[in-house]
């Protein structure tokens, strides 16, 4: 049930950020945002922890700032995997990943049990 709630929040965050950053993030329609939210959730569940462990020395040296690069890379990966969802570059992915995290945290805080 918690994954489903995160999926909805991530989908809303992706759709909102695509609306805020139309130059860098393109979502064809809400169905593509739903699919992008699902794929991003699955990547964050399975791939991201492995990447974090493998890059732990760099993350420690940069005092955690490298996690922003990892988040942006995961968003770029979703852009390559999901048709109808496009991220135009790394800078846009970095900005969008920060905004998606902020919007997601805000929505999770508002709709917490």
PDB file of N, CA and C in Angstrom:
ATOM      1  N   UNK A   1       0.822  -1.192   0.000  1.00  0.00           N
ATOM      2  CA  UNK A   1       0.000   0.000   0.000  1.00  0.00           C
ATOM      3  C   UNK A   1       0.869   1.262   0.000  1.00  0.00           C
ATOM      4  N   UNK A   2       1.994   1.204   0.703  1.00  0.00           N
ATOM      5  CA  UNK A   2       2.878   2.364   0.763  1.00  0.00           C
ATOM      6  C   UNK A   2       3.499   2.641  -0.609  1.00  0.00           C
ATOM      7  N   UNK A   3       3.839   1.588  -1.361  1.00  0.00           N
ATOM      8  CA  UNK A   3       4.388   1.792  -2.702  1.00  0.00           C
ATOM      9  C   UNK A   3       3.353   2.458  -3.600  1.00  0.00           C
ATOM     10  N   UNK A   4       2.089   2.064  -3.475  1.00  0.00           N
ATOM     11  CA  UNK A   4       1.031   2.654  -4.274  1.00  0.00           C
ATOM     12  C   UNK A   4       0.878   4.144  -3.967  1.00  0.00           C
ATOM     13  N   UNK A   5       0.948   4.503  -2.694  1.00  0.00           N
ATOM     14  CA  UNK A   5       0.858   5.913  -2.305  1.00  0.00           C
ATOM     15  C   UNK A   5       2.045   6.707  -2.849  1.00  0.00           C
ATOM     16  N   UNK A   6       3.232   6.143  -2.761  1.00  0.00           N
ATOM     17  CA  UNK A   6       4.418   6.813  -3.312  1.00  0.00           C
ATOM     18  C   UNK A   6       4.316   6.954  -4.829  1.00  0.00           C
ATOM     19  N   UNK A   7       3.743   5.953  -5.472  1.00  0.00           N
ATOM     20  CA  UNK A   7       3.572   5.989  -6.912  1.00  0.00           C
ATOM     21  C   UNK A   7       2.655   7.154  -7.315  1.00  0.00           C
ATOM     22  N   UNK A   8       1.557   7.316  -6.614  1.00  0.00           N
ATOM     23  CA  UNK A   8       0.631   8.413  -6.897  1.00  0.00           C
ATOM     24  C   UNK A   8       1.308   9.756  -6.668  1.00  0.00           C
ATOM     25  N   UNK A   9       2.012   9.884  -5.556  1.00  0.00           N
ATOM     26  CA  UNK A   9       2.694  11.144  -5.245  1.00  0.00           C
ATOM     27  C   UNK A   9       3.773  11.442  -6.286  1.00  0.00           C
ATOM     28  N   UNK A  10       4.543  10.437  -6.666  1.00  0.00           N
ATOM     29  CA  UNK A  10       5.587  10.634  -7.667  1.00  0.00           C
ATOM     30  C   UNK A  10       4.983  11.019  -9.010  1.00  0.00           C
ATOM     31  N   UNK A  11       3.882  10.389  -9.374  1.00  0.00           N
ATOM     32  CA  UNK A  11       3.203  10.723 -10.625  1.00  0.00           C
ATOM     33  C   UNK A  11       2.741  12.173 -10.625  1.00  0.00           C
ATOM     34  N   UNK A  12       2.115  12.606  -9.543  1.00  0.00           N
ATOM     35  CA  UNK A  12       1.668  14.002  -9.442  1.00  0.00           C
ATOM     36  C   UNK A  12       2.848  14.961  -9.481  1.00  0.00           C
ATOM     37  N   UNK A  13       3.944  14.580  -8.817  1.00  0.00           N
ATOM     38  CA  UNK A  13       5.140  15.429  -8.809  1.00  0.00           C
ATOM     39  C   UNK A  13       5.741  15.532 -10.213  1.00  0.00           C
ATOM     40  N   UNK A  14       5.814  14.429 -10.926  1.00  0.00           N
ATOM     41  CA  UNK A  14       6.350  14.436 -12.287  1.00  0.00           C
ATOM     42  C   UNK A  14       5.484  15.308 -13.189  1.00  0.00           C
ATOM     43  N   UNK A  15       4.189  15.137 -13.102  1.00  0.00           N
ATOM     44  CA  UNK A  15       3.282  15.912 -13.944  1.00  0.00           C
ATOM     45  C   UNK A  15       3.392  17.406 -13.620  1.00  0.00           C
ATOM     46  N   UNK A  16       3.485  17.738 -12.336  1.00  0.00           N
ATOM     47  CA  UNK A  16       3.626  19.135 -11.936  1.00  0.00           C
ATOM     48  C   UNK A  16       4.949  19.743 -12.373  1.00  0.00           C
ATOM     49  N   UNK A  17       6.027  19.005 -12.230  1.00  0.00           N
ATOM     50  CA  UNK A  17       7.340  19.509 -12.627  1.00  0.00           C
ATOM     51  C   UNK A  17       7.415  19.651 -14.150  1.00  0.00           C
ATOM     52  N   UNK A  18       6.785  18.753 -14.879  1.00  0.00           N
ATOM     53  CA  UNK A  18       6.750  18.888 -16.341  1.00  0.00           C
ATOM     54  C   UNK A  18       5.985  20.142 -16.740  1.00  0.00           C
ATOM     55  N   UNK A  19       4.978  20.485 -15.980  1.00  0.00           N
ATOM     56  CA  UNK A  19       4.235  21.716 -16.239  1.00  0.00           C
ATOM     57  C   UNK A  19       5.092  22.937 -15.914  1.00  0.00           C
ATOM     58  N   UNK A  20       5.877  22.864 -14.830  1.00  0.00           N
ATOM     59  CA  UNK A  20       6.731  23.987 -14.429  1.00  0.00           C
ATOM     60  C   UNK A  20       7.943  24.161 -15.344  1.00  0.00           C
ATOM     61  N   UNK A  21       8.477  23.081 -15.872  1.00  0.00           N
ATOM     62  CA  UNK A  21       9.687  23.116 -16.703  1.00  0.00           C
ATOM     63  C   UNK A  21       9.406  22.575 -18.100  1.00  0.00           C
ATOM     64  N   UNK A  22       8.560  23.250 -18.868  1.00  0.00           N
ATOM     65  CA  UNK A  22       8.204  22.689 -20.185  1.00  0.00           C
ATOM     66  C   UNK A  22       9.367  22.647 -21.175  1.00  0.00           C
ATOM     67  N   UNK A  23      10.433  23.425 -20.918  1.00  0.00           N
ATOM     68  CA  UNK A  23      11.579  23.396 -21.821  1.00  0.00           C
ATOM     69  C   UNK A  23      12.421  22.138 -21.630  1.00  0.00           C
ATOM     70  N   UNK A  24      12.428  21.588 -20.430  1.00  0.00           N
ATOM     71  CA  UNK A  24      13.331  20.493 -20.123  1.00  0.00           C
ATOM     72  C   UNK A  24      12.689  19.147 -19.882  1.00  0.00           C
ATOM     73  N   UNK A  25      11.434  19.140 -19.446  1.00  0.00           N
ATOM     74  CA  UNK A  25      10.733  17.895 -19.139  1.00  0.00           C
ATOM     75  C   UNK A  25       9.448  17.867 -19.963  1.00  0.00           C
ATOM     76  N   UNK A  26       9.284  16.835 -20.760  1.00  0.00           N
ATOM     77  CA  UNK A  26       8.107  16.721 -21.613  1.00  0.00           C
ATOM     78  C   UNK A  26       7.348  15.448 -21.253  1.00  0.00           C
ATOM     79  N   UNK A  27       6.073  15.602 -20.922  1.00  0.00           N
ATOM     80  CA  UNK A  27       5.195  14.461 -20.682  1.00  0.00           C
ATOM     81  C   UNK A  27       4.031  14.599 -21.658  1.00  0.00           C
ATOM     82  N   UNK A  28       3.830  13.598 -22.476  1.00  0.00           N
ATOM     83  CA  UNK A  28       2.789  13.659 -23.504  1.00  0.00           C
ATOM     84  C   UNK A  28       1.404  13.816 -22.886  1.00  0.00           C
ATOM     85  N   UNK A  29       1.085  12.997 -21.880  1.00  0.00           N
ATOM     86  CA  UNK A  29      -0.214  13.090 -21.214  1.00  0.00           C
ATOM     87  C   UNK A  29      -0.099  12.472 -19.821  1.00  0.00           C
ATOM     88  N   UNK A  30      -1.203  12.480 -19.102  1.00  0.00           N
ATOM     89  CA  UNK A  30      -1.168  11.995 -17.722  1.00  0.00           C
ATOM     90  C   UNK A  30      -0.865  10.503 -17.647  1.00  0.00           C
ATOM     91  N   UNK A  31      -1.282   9.743 -18.654  1.00  0.00           N
ATOM     92  CA  UNK A  31      -0.976   8.304 -18.669  1.00  0.00           C
ATOM     93  C   UNK A  31       0.532   8.058 -18.732  1.00  0.00           C
ATOM     94  N   UNK A  32       1.231   8.883 -19.505  1.00  0.00           N
ATOM     95  CA  UNK A  32       2.688   8.761 -19.556  1.00  0.00           C
ATOM     96  C   UNK A  32       3.311   9.164 -18.225  1.00  0.00           C
ATOM     97  N   UNK A  33       2.725  10.132 -17.540  1.00  0.00           N
ATOM     98  CA  UNK A  33       3.213  10.510 -16.214  1.00  0.00           C
ATOM     99  C   UNK A  33       3.011   9.363 -15.226  1.00  0.00           C
ATOM    100  N   UNK A  34       1.888   8.662 -15.346  1.00  0.00           N
ATOM    101  CA  UNK A  34       1.629   7.504 -14.473  1.00  0.00           C
ATOM    102  C   UNK A  34       2.687   6.426 -14.711  1.00  0.00           C
ATOM    103  N   UNK A  35       2.968   6.144 -15.975  1.00  0.00           N
ATOM    104  CA  UNK A  35       3.974   5.135 -16.305  1.00  0.00           C
ATOM    105  C   UNK A  35       5.365   5.588 -15.851  1.00  0.00           C
ATOM    106  N   UNK A  36       5.683   6.868 -16.053  1.00  0.00           N
ATOM    107  CA  UNK A  36       6.987   7.385 -15.614  1.00  0.00           C
ATOM    108  C   UNK A  36       7.107   7.309 -14.091  1.00  0.00           C
ATOM    109  N   UNK A  37       6.026   7.604 -13.377  1.00  0.00           N
ATOM    110  CA  UNK A  37       6.046   7.492 -11.917  1.00  0.00           C
ATOM    111  C   UNK A  37       6.274   6.066 -11.458  1.00  0.00           C
ATOM    112  N   UNK A  38       5.644   5.114 -12.146  1.00  0.00           N
ATOM    113  CA  UNK A  38       5.831   3.699 -11.803  1.00  0.00           C
ATOM    114  C   UNK A  38       7.271   3.262 -12.067  1.00  0.00           C
ATOM    115  N   UNK A  39       7.786   3.608 -13.239  1.00  0.00           N
ATOM    116  CA  UNK A  39       9.156   3.206 -13.590  1.00  0.00           C
ATOM    117  C   UNK A  39      10.166   3.877 -12.651  1.00  0.00           C
ATOM    118  N   UNK A  40       9.968   5.164 -12.354  1.00  0.00           N
ATOM    119  CA  UNK A  40      10.869   5.848 -11.427  1.00  0.00           C
ATOM    120  C   UNK A  40      10.823   5.208 -10.041  1.00  0.00           C
ATOM    121  N   UNK A  41       9.637   4.847  -9.595  1.00  0.00           N
ATOM    122  CA  UNK A  41       9.513   4.169  -8.301  1.00  0.00           C
ATOM    123  C   UNK A  41      10.227   2.833  -8.276  1.00  0.00           C
ATOM    124  N   UNK A  42      10.083   2.066  -9.346  1.00  0.00           N
ATOM    125  CA  UNK A  42      10.756   0.760  -9.411  1.00  0.00           C
ATOM    126  C   UNK A  42      12.271   0.915  -9.503  1.00  0.00           C
ATOM    127  N   UNK A  43      12.728   1.891 -10.276  1.00  0.00           N
ATOM    128  CA  UNK A  43      14.169   2.137 -10.367  1.00  0.00           C
ATOM    129  C   UNK A  43      14.713   2.582  -9.019  1.00  0.00           C
ATOM    130  N   UNK A  44      13.981   3.464  -8.338  1.00  0.00           N
ATOM    131  CA  UNK A  44      14.422   3.911  -7.018  1.00  0.00           C
ATOM    132  C   UNK A  44      14.388   2.787  -5.994  1.00  0.00           C
ATOM    133  N   UNK A  45      13.521   1.807  -6.208  1.00  0.00           N
ATOM    134  CA  UNK A  45      13.422   0.683  -5.286  1.00  0.00           C
ATOM    135  C   UNK A  45      14.529  -0.352  -5.500  1.00  0.00           C
ATOM    136  N   UNK A  46      14.886  -0.621  -6.761  1.00  0.00           N
ATOM    137  CA  UNK A  46      15.826  -1.693  -7.047  1.00  0.00           C
ATOM    138  C   UNK A  46      17.212  -1.227  -7.497  1.00  0.00           C
ATOM    139  N   UNK A  47      17.292  -0.252  -8.384  1.00  0.00           N
ATOM    140  CA  UNK A  47      18.571   0.141  -8.970  1.00  0.00           C
ATOM    141  C   UNK A  47      19.304   1.167  -8.110  1.00  0.00           C
ATOM    142  N   UNK A  48      18.588   2.180  -7.643  1.00  0.00           N
ATOM    143  CA  UNK A  48      19.225   3.274  -6.901  1.00  0.00           C
ATOM    144  C   UNK A  48      20.025   2.800  -5.682  1.00  0.00           C
ATOM    145  N   UNK A  49      19.500   1.883  -4.851  1.00  0.00           N
ATOM    146  CA  UNK A  49      20.313   1.441  -3.700  1.00  0.00           C
ATOM    147  C   UNK A  49      21.633   0.805  -4.119  1.00  0.00           C
ATOM    148  N   UNK A  50      21.629   0.046  -5.202  1.00  0.00           N
ATOM    149  CA  UNK A  50      22.862  -0.563  -5.692  1.00  0.00           C
ATOM    150  C   UNK A  50      23.849   0.509  -6.150  1.00  0.00           C
ATOM    151  N   UNK A  51      23.362   1.499  -6.880  1.00  0.00           N
ATOM    152  CA  UNK A  51      24.219   2.593  -7.348  1.00  0.00           C
ATOM    153  C   UNK A  51      24.783   3.373  -6.160  1.00  0.00           C
ATOM    154  N   UNK A  52      23.970   3.596  -5.151  1.00  0.00           N
ATOM    155  CA  UNK A  52      24.439   4.326  -3.963  1.00  0.00           C
ATOM    156  C   UNK A  52      25.554   3.566  -3.262  1.00  0.00           C
ATOM    157  N   UNK A  53      25.393   2.255  -3.135  1.00  0.00           N
ATOM    158  CA  UNK A  53      26.440   1.450  -2.489  1.00  0.00           C
ATOM    159  C   UNK A  53      27.721   1.476  -3.310  1.00  0.00           C
ATOM    160  N   UNK A  54      27.592   1.373  -4.622  1.00  0.00           N
ATOM    161  CA  UNK A  54      28.780   1.361  -5.481  1.00  0.00           C
ATOM    162  C   UNK A  54      29.509   2.706  -5.502  1.00  0.00           C
ATOM    163  N   UNK A  55      28.779   3.793  -5.296  1.00  0.00           N
ATOM    164  CA  UNK A  55      29.396   5.125  -5.331  1.00  0.00           C
ATOM    165  C   UNK A  55      29.549   5.721  -3.933  1.00  0.00           C
ATOM    166  N   UNK A  56      29.486   4.896  -2.911  1.00  0.00           N
ATOM    167  CA  UNK A  56      29.561   5.387  -1.531  1.00  0.00           C
ATOM    168  C   UNK A  56      30.810   6.219  -1.252  1.00  0.00           C
ATOM    169  N   UNK A  57      32.005   5.821  -1.712  1.00  0.00           N
ATOM    170  CA  UNK A  57      33.175   6.673  -1.436  1.00  0.00           C
ATOM    171  C   UNK A  57      33.033   8.089  -2.011  1.00  0.00           C
ATOM    172  N   UNK A  58      32.520   8.197  -3.229  1.00  0.00           N
ATOM    173  CA  UNK A  58      32.340   9.522  -3.837  1.00  0.00           C
ATOM    174  C   UNK A  58      31.282  10.312  -3.076  1.00  0.00           C
ATOM    175  N   UNK A  59      30.231   9.637  -2.662  1.00  0.00           N
ATOM    176  CA  UNK A  59      29.164  10.296  -1.907  1.00  0.00           C
ATOM    177  C   UNK A  59      29.690  10.822  -0.573  1.00  0.00           C
ATOM    178  N   UNK A  60      30.517  10.052   0.087  1.00  0.00           N
ATOM    179  CA  UNK A  60      31.082  10.490   1.374  1.00  0.00           C
ATOM    180  C   UNK A  60      32.017  11.674   1.171  1.00  0.00           C
ATOM    181  N   UNK A  61      32.876  11.602   0.157  1.00  0.00           N
ATOM    182  CA  UNK A  61      33.832  12.685  -0.105  1.00  0.00           C
ATOM    183  C   UNK A  61      33.101  13.991  -0.435  1.00  0.00           C
ATOM    184  N   UNK A  62      31.985  13.890  -1.178  1.00  0.00           N
ATOM    185  CA  UNK A  62      31.242  15.090  -1.563  1.00  0.00           C
ATOM    186  C   UNK A  62      30.178  15.474  -0.531  1.00  0.00           C
ATOM    187  N   UNK A  63      30.208  14.814   0.621  1.00  0.00           N
ATOM    188  CA  UNK A  63      29.259  15.077   1.706  1.00  0.00           C
ATOM    189  C   UNK A  63      27.802  14.923   1.263  1.00  0.00           C
ATOM    190  N   UNK A  64      27.555  13.954   0.408  1.00  0.00           N
ATOM    191  CA  UNK A  64      26.203  13.629  -0.015  1.00  0.00           C
ATOM    192  C   UNK A  64      25.722  14.355  -1.250  1.00  0.00           C
ATOM    193  N   UNK A  65      26.474  15.310  -1.746  1.00  0.00           N
ATOM    194  CA  UNK A  65      26.043  16.070  -2.921  1.00  0.00           C
ATOM    195  C   UNK A  65      25.953  15.169  -4.154  1.00  0.00           C
ATOM    196  N   UNK A  66      26.761  14.129  -4.197  1.00  0.00           N
ATOM    197  CA  UNK A  66      26.734  13.219  -5.341  1.00  0.00           C
ATOM    198  C   UNK A  66      25.391  12.508  -5.465  1.00  0.00           C
ATOM    199  N   UNK A  67      24.615  12.448  -4.397  1.00  0.00           N
ATOM    200  CA  UNK A  67      23.281  11.844  -4.473  1.00  0.00           C
ATOM    201  C   UNK A  67      22.387  12.608  -5.449  1.00  0.00           C
ATOM    202  N   UNK A  68      22.626  13.909  -5.599  1.00  0.00           N
ATOM    203  CA  UNK A  68      21.866  14.689  -6.577  1.00  0.00           C
ATOM    204  C   UNK A  68      22.160  14.197  -7.993  1.00  0.00           C
ATOM    205  N   UNK A  69      23.412  13.853  -8.244  1.00  0.00           N
ATOM    206  CA  UNK A  69      23.803  13.320  -9.549  1.00  0.00           C
ATOM    207  C   UNK A  69      23.133  11.965  -9.778  1.00  0.00           C
ATOM    208  N   UNK A  70      23.083  11.147  -8.761  1.00  0.00           N
ATOM    209  CA  UNK A  70      22.428   9.844  -8.874  1.00  0.00           C
ATOM    210  C   UNK A  70      20.945  10.019  -9.167  1.00  0.00           C
ATOM    211  N   UNK A  71      20.277  10.925  -8.450  1.00  0.00           N
ATOM    212  CA  UNK A  71      18.850  11.162  -8.683  1.00  0.00           C
ATOM    213  C   UNK A  71      18.598  11.655 -10.101  1.00  0.00           C
ATOM    214  N   UNK A  72      19.428  12.568 -10.580  1.00  0.00           N
ATOM    215  CA  UNK A  72      19.280  13.076 -11.945  1.00  0.00           C
ATOM    216  C   UNK A  72      19.504  11.956 -12.958  1.00  0.00           C
ATOM    217  N   UNK A  73      20.468  11.092 -12.691  1.00  0.00           N
ATOM    218  CA  UNK A  73      20.742   9.974 -13.594  1.00  0.00           C
ATOM    219  C   UNK A  73      19.576   9.002 -13.648  1.00  0.00           C
ATOM    220  N   UNK A  74      18.929   8.766 -12.517  1.00  0.00           N
ATOM    221  CA  UNK A  74      17.759   7.887 -12.495  1.00  0.00           C
ATOM    222  C   UNK A  74      16.621   8.497 -13.310  1.00  0.00           C
ATOM    223  N   UNK A  75      16.458   9.804 -13.240  1.00  0.00           N
ATOM    224  CA  UNK A  75      15.419  10.476 -14.018  1.00  0.00           C
ATOM    225  C   UNK A  75      15.732  10.419 -15.512  1.00  0.00           C
ATOM    226  N   UNK A  76      17.004  10.585 -15.876  1.00  0.00           N
ATOM    227  CA  UNK A  76      17.395  10.434 -17.274  1.00  0.00           C
ATOM    228  C   UNK A  76      17.129   9.019 -17.777  1.00  0.00           C
ATOM    229  N   UNK A  77      17.378   8.027 -16.928  1.00  0.00           N
ATOM    230  CA  UNK A  77      17.109   6.638 -17.296  1.00  0.00           C
ATOM    231  C   UNK A  77      15.620   6.430 -17.557  1.00  0.00           C
ATOM    232  N   UNK A  78      14.785   7.002 -16.712  1.00  0.00           N
ATOM    233  CA  UNK A  78      13.337   6.899 -16.915  1.00  0.00           C
ATOM    234  C   UNK A  78      12.953   7.559 -18.234  1.00  0.00           C
ATOM    235  N   UNK A  79      13.583   8.685 -18.545  1.00  0.00           N
ATOM    236  CA  UNK A  79      13.312   9.362 -19.807  1.00  0.00           C
ATOM    237  C   UNK A  79      13.655   8.509 -21.018  1.00  0.00           C
ATOM    238  N   UNK A  80      14.646   7.658 -20.889  1.00  0.00           N
ATOM    239  CA  UNK A  80      15.011   6.763 -21.995  1.00  0.00           C
ATOM    240  C   UNK A  80      14.100   5.540 -22.076  1.00  0.00           C
ATOM    241  N   UNK A  81      13.554   5.118 -20.933  1.00  0.00           N
ATOM    242  CA  UNK A  81      12.759   3.895 -20.899  1.00  0.00           C
ATOM    243  C   UNK A  81      11.283   4.106 -21.201  1.00  0.00           C
ATOM    244  N   UNK A  82      10.751   5.268 -20.857  1.00  0.00           N
ATOM    245  CA  UNK A  82       9.308   5.505 -20.956  1.00  0.00           C
ATOM    246  C   UNK A  82       9.003   6.340 -22.199  1.00  0.00           C
ATOM    247  N   UNK A  83       8.260   5.770 -23.140  1.00  0.00           N
ATOM    248  CA  UNK A  83       7.862   6.584 -24.294  1.00  0.00           C
ATOM    249  C   UNK A  83       6.849   7.642 -23.850  1.00  0.00           C
ATOM    250  N   UNK A  84       6.977   8.827 -24.388  1.00  0.00           N
ATOM    251  CA  UNK A  84       6.083   9.913 -24.006  1.00  0.00           C
ATOM    252  C   UNK A  84       6.577  10.722 -22.826  1.00  0.00           C
ATOM    253  N   UNK A  85       7.730  10.356 -22.277  1.00  0.00           N
ATOM    254  CA  UNK A  85       8.356  11.100 -21.183  1.00  0.00           C
ATOM    255  C   UNK A  85       9.787  11.382 -21.614  1.00  0.00           C
ATOM    256  N   UNK A  86      10.140  12.659 -21.684  1.00  0.00           N
ATOM    257  CA  UNK A  86      11.451  13.032 -22.193  1.00  0.00           C
ATOM    258  C   UNK A  86      12.110  14.053 -21.275  1.00  0.00           C
ATOM    259  N   UNK A  87      13.386  13.835 -21.015  1.00  0.00           N
ATOM    260  CA  UNK A  87      14.223  14.783 -20.280  1.00  0.00           C
ATOM    261  C   UNK A  87      15.293  15.239 -21.258  1.00  0.00           C
ATOM    262  N   UNK A  88      15.385  16.562 -21.490  1.00  0.00           N
ATOM    263  CA  UNK A  88      16.226  17.052 -22.578  1.00  0.00           C
ATOM    264  C   UNK A  88      17.706  17.141 -22.245  1.00  0.00           C
ATOM    265  N   UNK A  89      18.095  17.074 -20.996  1.00  0.00           N
ATOM    266  CA  UNK A  89      19.511  17.147 -20.672  1.00  0.00           C
ATOM    267  C   UNK A  89      19.764  16.935 -19.196  1.00  0.00           C
ATOM    268  N   UNK A  90      21.051  16.804 -18.855  1.00  0.00           N
ATOM    269  CA  UNK A  90      21.405  16.521 -17.464  1.00  0.00           C
ATOM    270  C   UNK A  90      21.033  17.673 -16.530  1.00  0.00           C
ATOM    271  N   UNK A  91      21.234  18.905 -16.973  1.00  0.00           N
ATOM    272  CA  UNK A  91      20.888  20.056 -16.138  1.00  0.00           C
ATOM    273  C   UNK A  91      19.401  20.087 -15.800  1.00  0.00           C
ATOM    274  N   UNK A  92      18.576  19.814 -16.814  1.00  0.00           N
ATOM    275  CA  UNK A  92      17.136  19.761 -16.572  1.00  0.00           C
ATOM    276  C   UNK A  92      16.783  18.580 -15.664  1.00  0.00           C
ATOM    277  N   UNK A  93      17.469  17.467 -15.845  1.00  0.00           N
ATOM    278  CA  UNK A  93      17.220  16.302 -14.989  1.00  0.00           C
ATOM    279  C   UNK A  93      17.591  16.614 -13.543  1.00  0.00           C
ATOM    280  N   UNK A  94      18.688  17.328 -13.352  1.00  0.00           N
ATOM    281  CA  UNK A  94      19.110  17.699 -12.000  1.00  0.00           C
ATOM    282  C   UNK A  94      18.073  18.608 -11.344  1.00  0.00           C
ATOM    283  N   UNK A  95      17.657  19.652 -12.070  1.00  0.00           N
ATOM    284  CA  UNK A  95      16.650  20.563 -11.535  1.00  0.00           C
ATOM    285  C   UNK A  95      15.327  19.845 -11.291  1.00  0.00           C
ATOM    286  N   UNK A  96      14.912  19.022 -12.243  1.00  0.00           N
ATOM    287  CA  UNK A  96      13.648  18.294 -12.095  1.00  0.00           C
ATOM    288  C   UNK A  96      13.702  17.306 -10.940  1.00  0.00           C
ATOM    289  N   UNK A  97      14.822  16.624 -10.747  1.00  0.00           N
ATOM    290  CA  UNK A  97      14.909  15.661  -9.642  1.00  0.00           C
ATOM    291  C   UNK A  97      14.837  16.371  -8.291  1.00  0.00           C
ATOM    292  N   UNK A  98      15.419  17.550  -8.207  1.00  0.00           N
ATOM    293  CA  UNK A  98      15.320  18.322  -6.965  1.00  0.00           C
ATOM    294  C   UNK A  98      13.872  18.729  -6.725  1.00  0.00           C
ATOM    295  N   UNK A  99      13.223  19.238  -7.765  1.00  0.00           N
ATOM    296  CA  UNK A  99      11.831  19.662  -7.621  1.00  0.00           C
ATOM    297  C   UNK A  99      10.894  18.493  -7.341  1.00  0.00           C
ATOM    298  N   UNK A 100      11.107  17.365  -8.014  1.00  0.00           N
ATOM    299  CA  UNK A 100      10.272  16.183  -7.765  1.00  0.00           C
ATOM    300  C   UNK A 100      10.437  15.718  -6.326  1.00  0.00           C
ATOM    301  N   UNK A 101      11.658  15.753  -5.813  1.00  0.00           N
ATOM    302  CA  UNK A 101      11.888  15.372  -4.413  1.00  0.00           C
ATOM    303  C   UNK A 101      11.183  16.323  -3.455  1.00  0.00           C
ATOM    304  N   UNK A 102      11.271  17.624  -3.755  1.00  0.00           N
ATOM    305  CA  UNK A 102      10.629  18.616  -2.884  1.00  0.00           C
ATOM    306  C   UNK A 102       9.107  18.497  -2.926  1.00  0.00           C
ATOM    307  N   UNK A 103       8.544  18.379  -4.130  1.00  0.00           N
ATOM    308  CA  UNK A 103       7.091  18.244  -4.256  1.00  0.00           C
ATOM    309  C   UNK A 103       6.633  16.936  -3.621  1.00  0.00           C
ATOM    310  N   UNK A 104       7.383  15.871  -3.845  1.00  0.00           N
ATOM    311  CA  UNK A 104       7.042  14.586  -3.235  1.00  0.00           C
ATOM    312  C   UNK A 104       7.055  14.640  -1.719  1.00  0.00           C
ATOM    313  N   UNK A 105       8.078  15.274  -1.159  1.00  0.00           N
ATOM    314  CA  UNK A 105       8.150  15.400   0.302  1.00  0.00           C
ATOM    315  C   UNK A 105       6.982  16.238   0.826  1.00  0.00           C
ATOM    316  N   UNK A 106       6.638  17.295   0.120  1.00  0.00           N
ATOM    317  CA  UNK A 106       5.510  18.141   0.523  1.00  0.00           C
ATOM    318  C   UNK A 106       4.191  17.369   0.472  1.00  0.00           C
ATOM    319  N   UNK A 107       3.965  16.643  -0.616  1.00  0.00           N
ATOM    320  CA  UNK A 107       2.725  15.872  -0.744  1.00  0.00           C
ATOM    321  C   UNK A 107       2.664  14.734   0.272  1.00  0.00           C
ATOM    322  N   UNK A 108       3.794  14.075   0.523  1.00  0.00           N
ATOM    323  CA  UNK A 108       3.806  13.017   1.541  1.00  0.00           C
ATOM    324  C   UNK A 108       3.497  13.603   2.918  1.00  0.00           C
ATOM    325  N   UNK A 109       4.003  14.795   3.188  1.00  0.00           N
ATOM    326  CA  UNK A 109       3.727  15.444   4.463  1.00  0.00           C
ATOM    327  C   UNK A 109       2.266  15.834   4.600  1.00  0.00           C
ATOM    328  N   UNK A 110       1.659  16.256   3.507  1.00  0.00           N
ATOM    329  CA  UNK A 110       0.249  16.658   3.556  1.00  0.00           C
ATOM    330  C   UNK A 110      -0.697  15.483   3.694  1.00  0.00           C
ATOM    331  N   UNK A 111      -0.370  14.356   3.043  1.00  0.00           N
ATOM    332  CA  UNK A 111      -1.277  13.212   3.021  1.00  0.00           C
ATOM    333  C   UNK A 111      -0.830  12.054   3.896  1.00  0.00           C
ATOM    334  N   UNK A 112       0.013  12.339   4.868  1.00  0.00           N
ATOM    335  CA  UNK A 112       0.493  11.289   5.770  1.00  0.00           C
ATOM    336  C   UNK A 112      -0.654  10.796   6.656  1.00  0.00           C
ATOM    337  N   UNK A 113      -0.642   9.507   6.956  1.00  0.00           N
ATOM    338  CA  UNK A 113      -1.702   8.919   7.826  1.00  0.00           C
ATOM    339  C   UNK A 113      -1.683   9.524   9.193  1.00  0.00           C
TER     340      UNK A 113
END
